[in-house]
């Protein structure tokens, strides 16, 4: 990230305390107990049914699927509806990686004037913005007077049905 950005980026090795912001979070993912669950070879048809294939291809550990860098990863629960268009719903659990550079187009978790938010980071003609993915919510133009610290990049969403 160029040094000319109007925001700070938390280092993946920096300790973070989201509790100060009144946020429930699980930090960091350092203890990884393996939980192997069966992954079937066949795919599930979302259109017309196909013959079932009950052959187990391998065992899948959700840590391997969701967490690439355990020491730099944390989980946080989403609230609000500003990111519905990105598939983030109220009460979803977001997997956040602090080691990924927050570049334009990425969905980021950031502290904005002391409050945690999730938005898409964008840059339009030298102007940085935090964009909502719901037309009912305004985008946030980032300027020097705002206190903005990016905590990490959202890599996955755990969404209950």
N, C-alpha and C. Protein backbone atom coordinates (compact mmCIF):
# COMPACT_ATOMS: atom_id res chain seq x y z
N UNK A 1 0.84 -1.17 0.00
CA UNK A 1 0.00 0.00 0.00
C UNK A 1 0.89 1.24 0.00
N UNK A 2 0.67 2.18 -0.89
CA UNK A 2 1.50 3.38 -0.93
C UNK A 2 1.39 4.17 0.36
N UNK A 3 2.45 4.91 0.70
CA UNK A 3 2.48 5.69 1.93
C UNK A 3 1.53 6.87 1.88
N UNK A 4 0.93 7.18 0.74
CA UNK A 4 0.06 8.34 0.60
C UNK A 4 -1.39 8.06 0.95
N UNK A 5 -1.69 6.89 1.49
CA UNK A 5 -3.07 6.59 1.83
C UNK A 5 -3.49 7.36 3.07
N UNK A 6 -4.75 7.78 3.15
CA UNK A 6 -5.22 8.53 4.31
C UNK A 6 -5.67 7.63 5.46
N UNK A 7 -5.18 6.40 5.50
CA UNK A 7 -5.56 5.49 6.56
C UNK A 7 -4.37 4.67 7.02
N UNK A 8 -4.51 4.07 8.20
CA UNK A 8 -3.47 3.20 8.75
C UNK A 8 -3.85 1.76 8.48
N UNK A 9 -2.84 0.89 8.44
CA UNK A 9 -3.06 -0.54 8.28
C UNK A 9 -2.42 -1.23 9.47
N UNK A 10 -3.19 -2.11 10.13
CA UNK A 10 -2.67 -2.85 11.26
C UNK A 10 -1.74 -3.94 10.76
N UNK A 11 -0.56 -4.03 11.34
CA UNK A 11 0.39 -5.07 10.97
C UNK A 11 -0.15 -6.43 11.39
N UNK A 12 0.10 -7.47 10.59
CA UNK A 12 -0.40 -8.80 10.96
C UNK A 12 0.22 -9.32 12.25
N UNK A 13 1.30 -8.74 12.69
CA UNK A 13 1.93 -9.20 13.93
C UNK A 13 1.57 -8.32 15.12
N UNK A 14 0.83 -7.25 14.90
CA UNK A 14 0.43 -6.36 15.99
C UNK A 14 -0.69 -6.99 16.80
N UNK A 15 -0.62 -6.85 18.14
CA UNK A 15 -1.76 -7.31 18.93
C UNK A 15 -2.95 -6.39 18.68
N UNK A 16 -4.13 -6.97 18.64
CA UNK A 16 -5.33 -6.15 18.46
C UNK A 16 -6.31 -6.47 19.56
N UNK A 17 -7.09 -5.48 19.95
CA UNK A 17 -8.09 -5.65 20.98
C UNK A 17 -9.40 -5.07 20.49
N UNK A 18 -10.18 -5.89 19.82
CA UNK A 18 -11.45 -5.42 19.30
C UNK A 18 -12.47 -5.24 20.41
N UNK A 19 -12.21 -5.81 21.59
CA UNK A 19 -13.11 -5.64 22.72
C UNK A 19 -13.25 -4.19 23.12
N UNK A 20 -12.21 -3.39 22.91
CA UNK A 20 -12.28 -1.97 23.21
C UNK A 20 -13.33 -1.28 22.35
N UNK A 21 -13.65 -1.84 21.20
CA UNK A 21 -14.65 -1.28 20.30
C UNK A 21 -16.03 -1.87 20.55
N UNK A 22 -16.16 -2.72 21.58
CA UNK A 22 -17.44 -3.35 21.87
C UNK A 22 -17.82 -4.42 20.87
N UNK A 23 -16.82 -5.10 20.30
CA UNK A 23 -17.05 -6.10 19.27
C UNK A 23 -16.69 -7.47 19.81
N UNK A 24 -17.56 -8.44 19.54
CA UNK A 24 -17.19 -9.80 19.90
C UNK A 24 -16.42 -10.40 18.74
N UNK A 25 -15.21 -10.86 19.04
CA UNK A 25 -14.37 -11.43 17.99
C UNK A 25 -13.58 -12.58 18.57
N UNK A 26 -13.14 -13.46 17.69
CA UNK A 26 -12.32 -14.58 18.08
C UNK A 26 -10.94 -14.34 17.50
N UNK A 27 -9.93 -14.13 18.35
CA UNK A 27 -8.61 -13.72 17.92
C UNK A 27 -7.53 -14.59 18.49
N UNK A 28 -6.39 -14.63 17.88
CA UNK A 28 -6.30 -15.06 16.49
C UNK A 28 -6.51 -16.56 16.44
N UNK A 29 -6.45 -17.11 15.29
CA UNK A 29 -6.67 -18.54 15.12
C UNK A 29 -5.32 -19.22 15.25
N UNK A 30 -4.84 -19.36 16.48
CA UNK A 30 -3.53 -19.97 16.67
C UNK A 30 -3.63 -21.43 17.08
N UNK A 31 -4.67 -21.80 17.78
CA UNK A 31 -4.84 -23.20 18.19
C UNK A 31 -5.76 -23.86 17.19
N UNK A 32 -5.22 -24.75 16.40
CA UNK A 32 -6.01 -25.39 15.35
C UNK A 32 -6.19 -26.85 15.67
N UNK A 33 -7.30 -27.18 16.26
CA UNK A 33 -7.62 -28.58 16.48
C UNK A 33 -8.20 -29.12 15.18
N UNK A 34 -7.65 -30.19 14.71
CA UNK A 34 -8.10 -30.76 13.44
C UNK A 34 -9.44 -31.45 13.64
N UNK A 35 -10.34 -31.16 12.75
CA UNK A 35 -11.65 -31.80 12.73
C UNK A 35 -11.90 -32.22 11.29
N UNK A 36 -11.65 -33.48 11.01
CA UNK A 36 -11.77 -33.98 9.65
C UNK A 36 -13.18 -34.49 9.41
N UNK A 37 -13.81 -33.96 8.37
CA UNK A 37 -15.17 -34.34 8.00
C UNK A 37 -15.13 -34.86 6.57
N UNK A 38 -16.05 -35.77 6.22
CA UNK A 38 -16.01 -36.36 4.88
C UNK A 38 -16.37 -35.36 3.79
N UNK A 39 -15.60 -35.40 2.68
CA UNK A 39 -15.89 -34.61 1.49
C UNK A 39 -16.21 -35.60 0.38
N UNK A 40 -17.43 -35.55 -0.12
CA UNK A 40 -17.86 -36.50 -1.14
C UNK A 40 -17.40 -36.03 -2.52
N UNK A 41 -17.09 -36.99 -3.39
CA UNK A 41 -16.61 -36.71 -4.74
C UNK A 41 -17.70 -36.03 -5.57
N UNK A 42 -18.90 -36.54 -5.48
CA UNK A 42 -19.99 -36.00 -6.29
C UNK A 42 -20.36 -34.59 -5.88
N UNK A 43 -20.87 -33.83 -6.84
CA UNK A 43 -21.35 -32.49 -6.55
C UNK A 43 -22.86 -32.53 -6.43
N UNK A 44 -23.41 -31.60 -5.68
CA UNK A 44 -24.85 -31.54 -5.47
C UNK A 44 -25.45 -30.64 -6.53
N UNK A 45 -26.41 -31.17 -7.27
CA UNK A 45 -27.05 -30.39 -8.33
C UNK A 45 -27.97 -29.34 -7.71
N UNK A 46 -27.81 -28.10 -8.14
CA UNK A 46 -28.68 -27.03 -7.68
C UNK A 46 -29.83 -26.82 -8.66
N UNK A 47 -29.83 -27.58 -9.73
CA UNK A 47 -30.90 -27.50 -10.73
C UNK A 47 -31.65 -28.82 -10.74
N UNK A 48 -31.34 -29.66 -11.73
CA UNK A 48 -31.98 -30.96 -11.84
C UNK A 48 -31.19 -32.00 -11.06
N UNK A 49 -31.87 -32.92 -10.40
CA UNK A 49 -31.16 -33.94 -9.62
C UNK A 49 -30.29 -34.82 -10.52
N UNK A 50 -29.18 -35.29 -9.93
CA UNK A 50 -28.31 -36.23 -10.64
C UNK A 50 -28.11 -37.43 -9.72
N UNK A 51 -27.70 -38.56 -10.29
CA UNK A 51 -27.49 -39.73 -9.44
C UNK A 51 -26.46 -39.44 -8.35
N UNK A 52 -26.76 -39.86 -7.15
CA UNK A 52 -25.85 -39.61 -6.02
C UNK A 52 -24.61 -40.46 -6.12
N UNK A 53 -23.48 -39.89 -5.76
CA UNK A 53 -22.21 -40.60 -5.70
C UNK A 53 -21.78 -40.57 -4.25
N UNK A 54 -21.80 -41.74 -3.60
CA UNK A 54 -21.53 -41.75 -2.16
C UNK A 54 -20.08 -42.09 -1.84
N UNK A 55 -19.19 -41.90 -2.78
CA UNK A 55 -17.79 -42.17 -2.54
C UNK A 55 -17.13 -40.98 -1.85
N UNK A 56 -16.49 -41.22 -0.72
CA UNK A 56 -15.80 -40.16 0.00
C UNK A 56 -14.43 -39.96 -0.64
N UNK A 57 -14.19 -38.75 -1.17
CA UNK A 57 -12.93 -38.44 -1.84
C UNK A 57 -11.80 -38.31 -0.83
N UNK A 58 -12.04 -37.57 0.24
CA UNK A 58 -11.05 -37.35 1.28
C UNK A 58 -11.75 -36.74 2.48
N UNK A 59 -10.99 -36.50 3.51
CA UNK A 59 -11.51 -35.79 4.66
C UNK A 59 -11.10 -34.34 4.53
N UNK A 60 -11.98 -33.45 4.93
CA UNK A 60 -11.76 -32.02 4.80
C UNK A 60 -11.75 -31.39 6.18
N UNK A 61 -10.73 -30.60 6.47
CA UNK A 61 -10.64 -29.83 7.70
C UNK A 61 -11.01 -28.40 7.35
N UNK A 62 -12.04 -27.85 7.99
CA UNK A 62 -12.48 -26.50 7.66
C UNK A 62 -11.40 -25.46 7.96
N UNK A 63 -10.49 -25.74 8.88
CA UNK A 63 -9.36 -24.83 9.10
C UNK A 63 -8.53 -24.69 7.83
N UNK A 64 -8.29 -25.81 7.15
CA UNK A 64 -7.51 -25.77 5.91
C UNK A 64 -8.24 -25.00 4.81
N UNK A 65 -9.56 -25.08 4.82
CA UNK A 65 -10.35 -24.42 3.80
C UNK A 65 -10.49 -22.92 4.06
N UNK A 66 -10.64 -22.51 5.32
CA UNK A 66 -10.97 -21.12 5.65
C UNK A 66 -9.80 -20.28 6.16
N UNK A 67 -8.77 -20.92 6.74
CA UNK A 67 -7.71 -20.18 7.40
C UNK A 67 -6.38 -20.48 6.72
N UNK A 68 -5.84 -19.51 6.00
CA UNK A 68 -4.57 -19.71 5.31
C UNK A 68 -3.38 -19.36 6.19
N UNK A 69 -3.51 -18.33 7.01
CA UNK A 69 -2.42 -17.88 7.89
C UNK A 69 -2.97 -17.72 9.30
N UNK A 70 -2.92 -18.78 10.09
CA UNK A 70 -3.55 -18.79 11.41
C UNK A 70 -3.14 -17.63 12.32
N UNK A 71 -1.87 -17.28 12.36
CA UNK A 71 -1.41 -16.22 13.27
C UNK A 71 -1.93 -14.85 12.88
N UNK A 72 -2.37 -14.68 11.63
CA UNK A 72 -2.84 -13.38 11.15
C UNK A 72 -4.36 -13.36 10.93
N UNK A 73 -5.05 -14.41 11.37
CA UNK A 73 -6.48 -14.54 11.08
C UNK A 73 -7.31 -14.40 12.35
N UNK A 74 -8.44 -13.71 12.21
CA UNK A 74 -9.43 -13.68 13.28
C UNK A 74 -10.82 -13.74 12.68
N UNK A 75 -11.81 -14.00 13.54
CA UNK A 75 -13.21 -14.07 13.13
C UNK A 75 -13.97 -12.93 13.81
N UNK A 76 -14.96 -12.41 13.12
CA UNK A 76 -15.82 -11.38 13.71
C UNK A 76 -17.23 -11.58 13.15
N UNK A 77 -18.23 -11.26 13.98
CA UNK A 77 -19.62 -11.43 13.56
C UNK A 77 -20.13 -10.14 12.93
N UNK A 78 -20.79 -10.25 11.79
CA UNK A 78 -21.32 -9.08 11.08
C UNK A 78 -22.65 -8.67 11.68
N UNK A 79 -22.92 -7.38 11.59
CA UNK A 79 -24.24 -6.88 11.95
C UNK A 79 -24.62 -5.82 10.93
N UNK A 80 -25.89 -5.59 10.75
CA UNK A 80 -26.36 -4.60 9.78
C UNK A 80 -26.51 -5.20 8.39
N UNK A 81 -27.00 -4.38 7.47
CA UNK A 81 -27.34 -4.85 6.13
C UNK A 81 -26.63 -4.10 5.01
N UNK A 82 -25.57 -3.36 5.34
CA UNK A 82 -24.91 -2.55 4.31
C UNK A 82 -24.12 -3.38 3.30
N UNK A 83 -23.85 -4.65 3.61
CA UNK A 83 -23.05 -5.47 2.70
C UNK A 83 -23.82 -6.66 2.13
N UNK A 84 -25.13 -6.57 2.09
CA UNK A 84 -25.95 -7.66 1.56
C UNK A 84 -25.57 -8.03 0.13
N UNK A 85 -25.25 -7.05 -0.69
CA UNK A 85 -24.89 -7.31 -2.09
C UNK A 85 -23.61 -8.10 -2.25
N UNK A 86 -22.79 -8.14 -1.21
CA UNK A 86 -21.55 -8.92 -1.23
C UNK A 86 -21.76 -10.28 -0.57
N UNK A 87 -23.00 -10.57 -0.18
CA UNK A 87 -23.28 -11.85 0.46
C UNK A 87 -23.01 -11.87 1.95
N UNK A 88 -22.88 -10.71 2.57
CA UNK A 88 -22.65 -10.62 4.01
C UNK A 88 -23.95 -10.19 4.67
N UNK A 89 -24.48 -11.06 5.51
CA UNK A 89 -25.77 -10.84 6.16
C UNK A 89 -25.58 -10.65 7.66
N UNK A 90 -26.59 -10.08 8.34
CA UNK A 90 -26.49 -9.96 9.80
C UNK A 90 -26.24 -11.33 10.44
N UNK A 91 -25.34 -11.36 11.42
CA UNK A 91 -24.95 -12.55 12.18
C UNK A 91 -24.04 -13.51 11.43
N UNK A 92 -23.64 -13.20 10.21
CA UNK A 92 -22.63 -14.02 9.53
C UNK A 92 -21.31 -13.88 10.28
N UNK A 93 -20.49 -14.90 10.19
CA UNK A 93 -19.15 -14.83 10.76
C UNK A 93 -18.18 -14.57 9.62
N UNK A 94 -17.38 -13.51 9.77
CA UNK A 94 -16.42 -13.14 8.75
C UNK A 94 -15.05 -13.65 9.15
N UNK A 95 -14.35 -14.25 8.21
CA UNK A 95 -12.97 -14.69 8.41
C UNK A 95 -12.10 -13.57 7.87
N UNK A 96 -11.22 -13.03 8.72
CA UNK A 96 -10.44 -11.85 8.37
C UNK A 96 -8.95 -12.19 8.46
N UNK A 97 -8.22 -11.87 7.40
CA UNK A 97 -6.78 -12.13 7.34
C UNK A 97 -6.05 -10.79 7.37
N UNK A 98 -5.24 -10.57 8.40
CA UNK A 98 -4.50 -9.31 8.55
C UNK A 98 -3.24 -9.28 7.69
N UNK A 99 -2.85 -10.40 7.08
CA UNK A 99 -1.63 -10.42 6.27
C UNK A 99 -1.86 -10.03 4.82
N UNK A 100 -3.11 -9.90 4.41
CA UNK A 100 -3.43 -9.55 3.02
C UNK A 100 -3.47 -8.03 2.90
N UNK A 101 -2.82 -7.51 1.85
CA UNK A 101 -2.82 -6.07 1.61
C UNK A 101 -4.23 -5.60 1.27
N UNK A 102 -4.69 -4.54 1.92
CA UNK A 102 -6.02 -3.99 1.61
C UNK A 102 -5.96 -3.12 0.35
N UNK A 103 -6.13 -3.73 -0.79
CA UNK A 103 -6.06 -3.03 -2.07
C UNK A 103 -7.48 -2.75 -2.55
N UNK A 104 -7.64 -1.79 -3.47
CA UNK A 104 -8.97 -1.50 -3.99
C UNK A 104 -9.67 -2.77 -4.49
N UNK A 105 -10.95 -2.88 -4.15
CA UNK A 105 -11.76 -4.03 -4.53
C UNK A 105 -11.92 -5.05 -3.42
N UNK A 106 -11.04 -5.02 -2.42
CA UNK A 106 -11.12 -5.97 -1.31
C UNK A 106 -12.15 -5.49 -0.28
N UNK A 107 -12.79 -6.44 0.38
CA UNK A 107 -13.69 -6.12 1.49
C UNK A 107 -12.84 -6.12 2.74
N UNK A 108 -12.93 -5.02 3.51
CA UNK A 108 -12.06 -4.82 4.66
C UNK A 108 -12.87 -4.63 5.94
N UNK A 109 -12.22 -4.99 7.05
CA UNK A 109 -12.72 -4.64 8.38
C UNK A 109 -11.86 -3.47 8.83
N UNK A 110 -12.51 -2.39 9.25
CA UNK A 110 -11.74 -1.23 9.70
C UNK A 110 -12.43 -0.54 10.86
N UNK A 111 -11.61 0.15 11.63
CA UNK A 111 -12.12 1.00 12.70
C UNK A 111 -12.21 2.41 12.14
N UNK A 112 -13.40 2.94 12.07
CA UNK A 112 -13.65 4.27 11.53
C UNK A 112 -14.14 5.16 12.66
N UNK A 113 -13.29 6.11 13.06
CA UNK A 113 -13.60 6.98 14.19
C UNK A 113 -14.01 6.17 15.42
N UNK A 114 -13.30 5.05 15.65
CA UNK A 114 -13.52 4.24 16.84
C UNK A 114 -14.62 3.21 16.74
N UNK A 115 -15.27 3.09 15.58
CA UNK A 115 -16.33 2.09 15.40
C UNK A 115 -15.94 1.14 14.28
N UNK A 116 -16.16 -0.15 14.52
CA UNK A 116 -15.80 -1.15 13.53
C UNK A 116 -16.84 -1.22 12.43
N UNK A 117 -16.37 -1.34 11.18
CA UNK A 117 -17.27 -1.47 10.05
C UNK A 117 -16.66 -2.41 9.02
N UNK A 118 -17.50 -2.97 8.16
CA UNK A 118 -17.05 -3.79 7.04
C UNK A 118 -17.57 -3.13 5.77
N UNK A 119 -16.65 -2.87 4.84
CA UNK A 119 -17.01 -2.23 3.57
C UNK A 119 -16.01 -2.66 2.50
N UNK A 120 -16.34 -2.35 1.24
CA UNK A 120 -15.42 -2.61 0.14
C UNK A 120 -14.53 -1.37 -0.04
N UNK A 121 -13.23 -1.58 -0.05
CA UNK A 121 -12.28 -0.49 -0.24
C UNK A 121 -12.16 -0.20 -1.72
N UNK A 122 -12.35 1.05 -2.10
CA UNK A 122 -12.28 1.46 -3.51
C UNK A 122 -11.47 2.73 -3.63
N UNK A 123 -10.92 2.94 -4.82
CA UNK A 123 -10.20 4.18 -5.12
C UNK A 123 -10.65 4.64 -6.49
N UNK A 124 -11.17 5.86 -6.54
CA UNK A 124 -11.68 6.43 -7.79
C UNK A 124 -11.02 7.78 -8.00
N UNK A 125 -10.13 7.88 -9.00
CA UNK A 125 -9.42 9.14 -9.29
C UNK A 125 -8.75 9.72 -8.04
N UNK A 126 -7.90 8.92 -7.43
CA UNK A 126 -7.13 9.35 -6.25
C UNK A 126 -7.97 9.50 -4.98
N UNK A 127 -9.28 9.28 -5.05
CA UNK A 127 -10.14 9.42 -3.88
C UNK A 127 -10.48 8.03 -3.33
N UNK A 128 -10.06 7.76 -2.08
CA UNK A 128 -10.36 6.49 -1.42
C UNK A 128 -11.77 6.53 -0.85
N UNK A 129 -12.46 5.38 -0.93
CA UNK A 129 -13.82 5.27 -0.40
C UNK A 129 -14.02 3.91 0.24
N UNK A 130 -14.93 3.87 1.19
CA UNK A 130 -15.45 2.62 1.73
C UNK A 130 -16.86 2.49 1.17
N UNK A 131 -17.05 1.50 0.31
CA UNK A 131 -18.32 1.37 -0.39
C UNK A 131 -19.22 0.33 0.25
N UNK A 132 -20.47 0.71 0.43
CA UNK A 132 -21.49 -0.22 0.89
C UNK A 132 -21.93 -1.06 -0.32
N UNK A 133 -22.42 -2.26 -0.03
CA UNK A 133 -22.93 -3.13 -1.10
C UNK A 133 -24.45 -3.24 -0.98
N UNK A 134 -25.06 -2.11 -0.64
CA UNK A 134 -26.51 -2.02 -0.52
C UNK A 134 -26.85 -0.57 -0.83
N UNK A 135 -27.72 -0.32 -1.83
CA UNK A 135 -28.01 1.06 -2.23
C UNK A 135 -28.69 1.89 -1.14
N UNK A 136 -29.20 1.25 -0.10
CA UNK A 136 -29.83 1.98 0.99
C UNK A 136 -28.82 2.60 1.96
N UNK A 137 -27.53 2.30 1.77
CA UNK A 137 -26.48 2.80 2.67
C UNK A 137 -25.49 3.65 1.88
N UNK A 138 -25.06 4.76 2.47
CA UNK A 138 -24.12 5.63 1.73
C UNK A 138 -22.70 5.08 1.74
N UNK A 139 -21.95 5.44 0.71
CA UNK A 139 -20.52 5.17 0.70
C UNK A 139 -19.85 6.19 1.61
N UNK A 140 -18.65 5.87 2.08
CA UNK A 140 -17.91 6.75 2.96
C UNK A 140 -16.65 7.21 2.24
N UNK A 141 -16.57 8.50 2.00
CA UNK A 141 -15.38 9.08 1.38
C UNK A 141 -14.33 9.24 2.47
N UNK A 142 -13.13 8.73 2.19
CA UNK A 142 -12.05 8.77 3.18
C UNK A 142 -11.24 10.05 2.97
N UNK A 143 -11.13 10.82 4.03
CA UNK A 143 -10.31 12.03 3.97
C UNK A 143 -9.48 12.10 5.24
N UNK A 144 -8.50 12.98 5.25
CA UNK A 144 -7.48 13.03 6.30
C UNK A 144 -8.05 13.18 7.71
N UNK A 145 -9.17 13.88 7.87
CA UNK A 145 -9.70 14.15 9.21
C UNK A 145 -10.33 12.90 9.85
N UNK A 146 -10.64 11.90 9.05
CA UNK A 146 -11.21 10.67 9.60
C UNK A 146 -10.11 9.84 10.26
N UNK A 147 -10.45 9.22 11.37
CA UNK A 147 -9.54 8.27 12.00
C UNK A 147 -9.91 6.89 11.48
N UNK A 148 -9.11 6.38 10.57
CA UNK A 148 -9.41 5.10 9.92
C UNK A 148 -8.22 4.17 10.02
N UNK A 149 -8.47 2.98 10.59
CA UNK A 149 -7.44 1.95 10.70
C UNK A 149 -8.01 0.67 10.10
N UNK A 150 -7.36 0.14 9.10
CA UNK A 150 -7.81 -1.12 8.48
C UNK A 150 -7.22 -2.28 9.26
N UNK A 151 -8.10 -3.16 9.76
CA UNK A 151 -7.70 -4.30 10.59
C UNK A 151 -7.37 -5.53 9.75
N UNK A 152 -7.98 -5.66 8.58
CA UNK A 152 -7.70 -6.83 7.76
C UNK A 152 -8.68 -6.95 6.61
N UNK A 153 -8.46 -7.97 5.80
CA UNK A 153 -9.26 -8.24 4.60
C UNK A 153 -10.13 -9.47 4.85
N UNK A 154 -11.40 -9.36 4.53
CA UNK A 154 -12.33 -10.48 4.67
C UNK A 154 -12.04 -11.49 3.57
N UNK A 155 -11.81 -12.75 3.98
CA UNK A 155 -11.51 -13.80 2.99
C UNK A 155 -12.66 -14.77 2.80
N UNK A 156 -13.48 -14.94 3.82
CA UNK A 156 -14.60 -15.89 3.73
C UNK A 156 -15.74 -15.40 4.62
N UNK A 157 -16.95 -15.86 4.28
CA UNK A 157 -18.13 -15.57 5.07
C UNK A 157 -18.76 -16.90 5.45
N UNK A 158 -19.04 -17.08 6.72
CA UNK A 158 -19.74 -18.27 7.20
C UNK A 158 -21.19 -17.83 7.42
N UNK A 159 -22.06 -18.38 6.59
CA UNK A 159 -23.45 -17.91 6.53
C UNK A 159 -24.42 -19.02 6.87
N UNK A 160 -25.16 -18.87 7.98
CA UNK A 160 -26.14 -19.91 8.30
C UNK A 160 -27.35 -19.81 7.36
N UNK A 161 -28.02 -20.90 7.15
CA UNK A 161 -29.24 -20.90 6.31
C UNK A 161 -30.46 -20.78 7.17
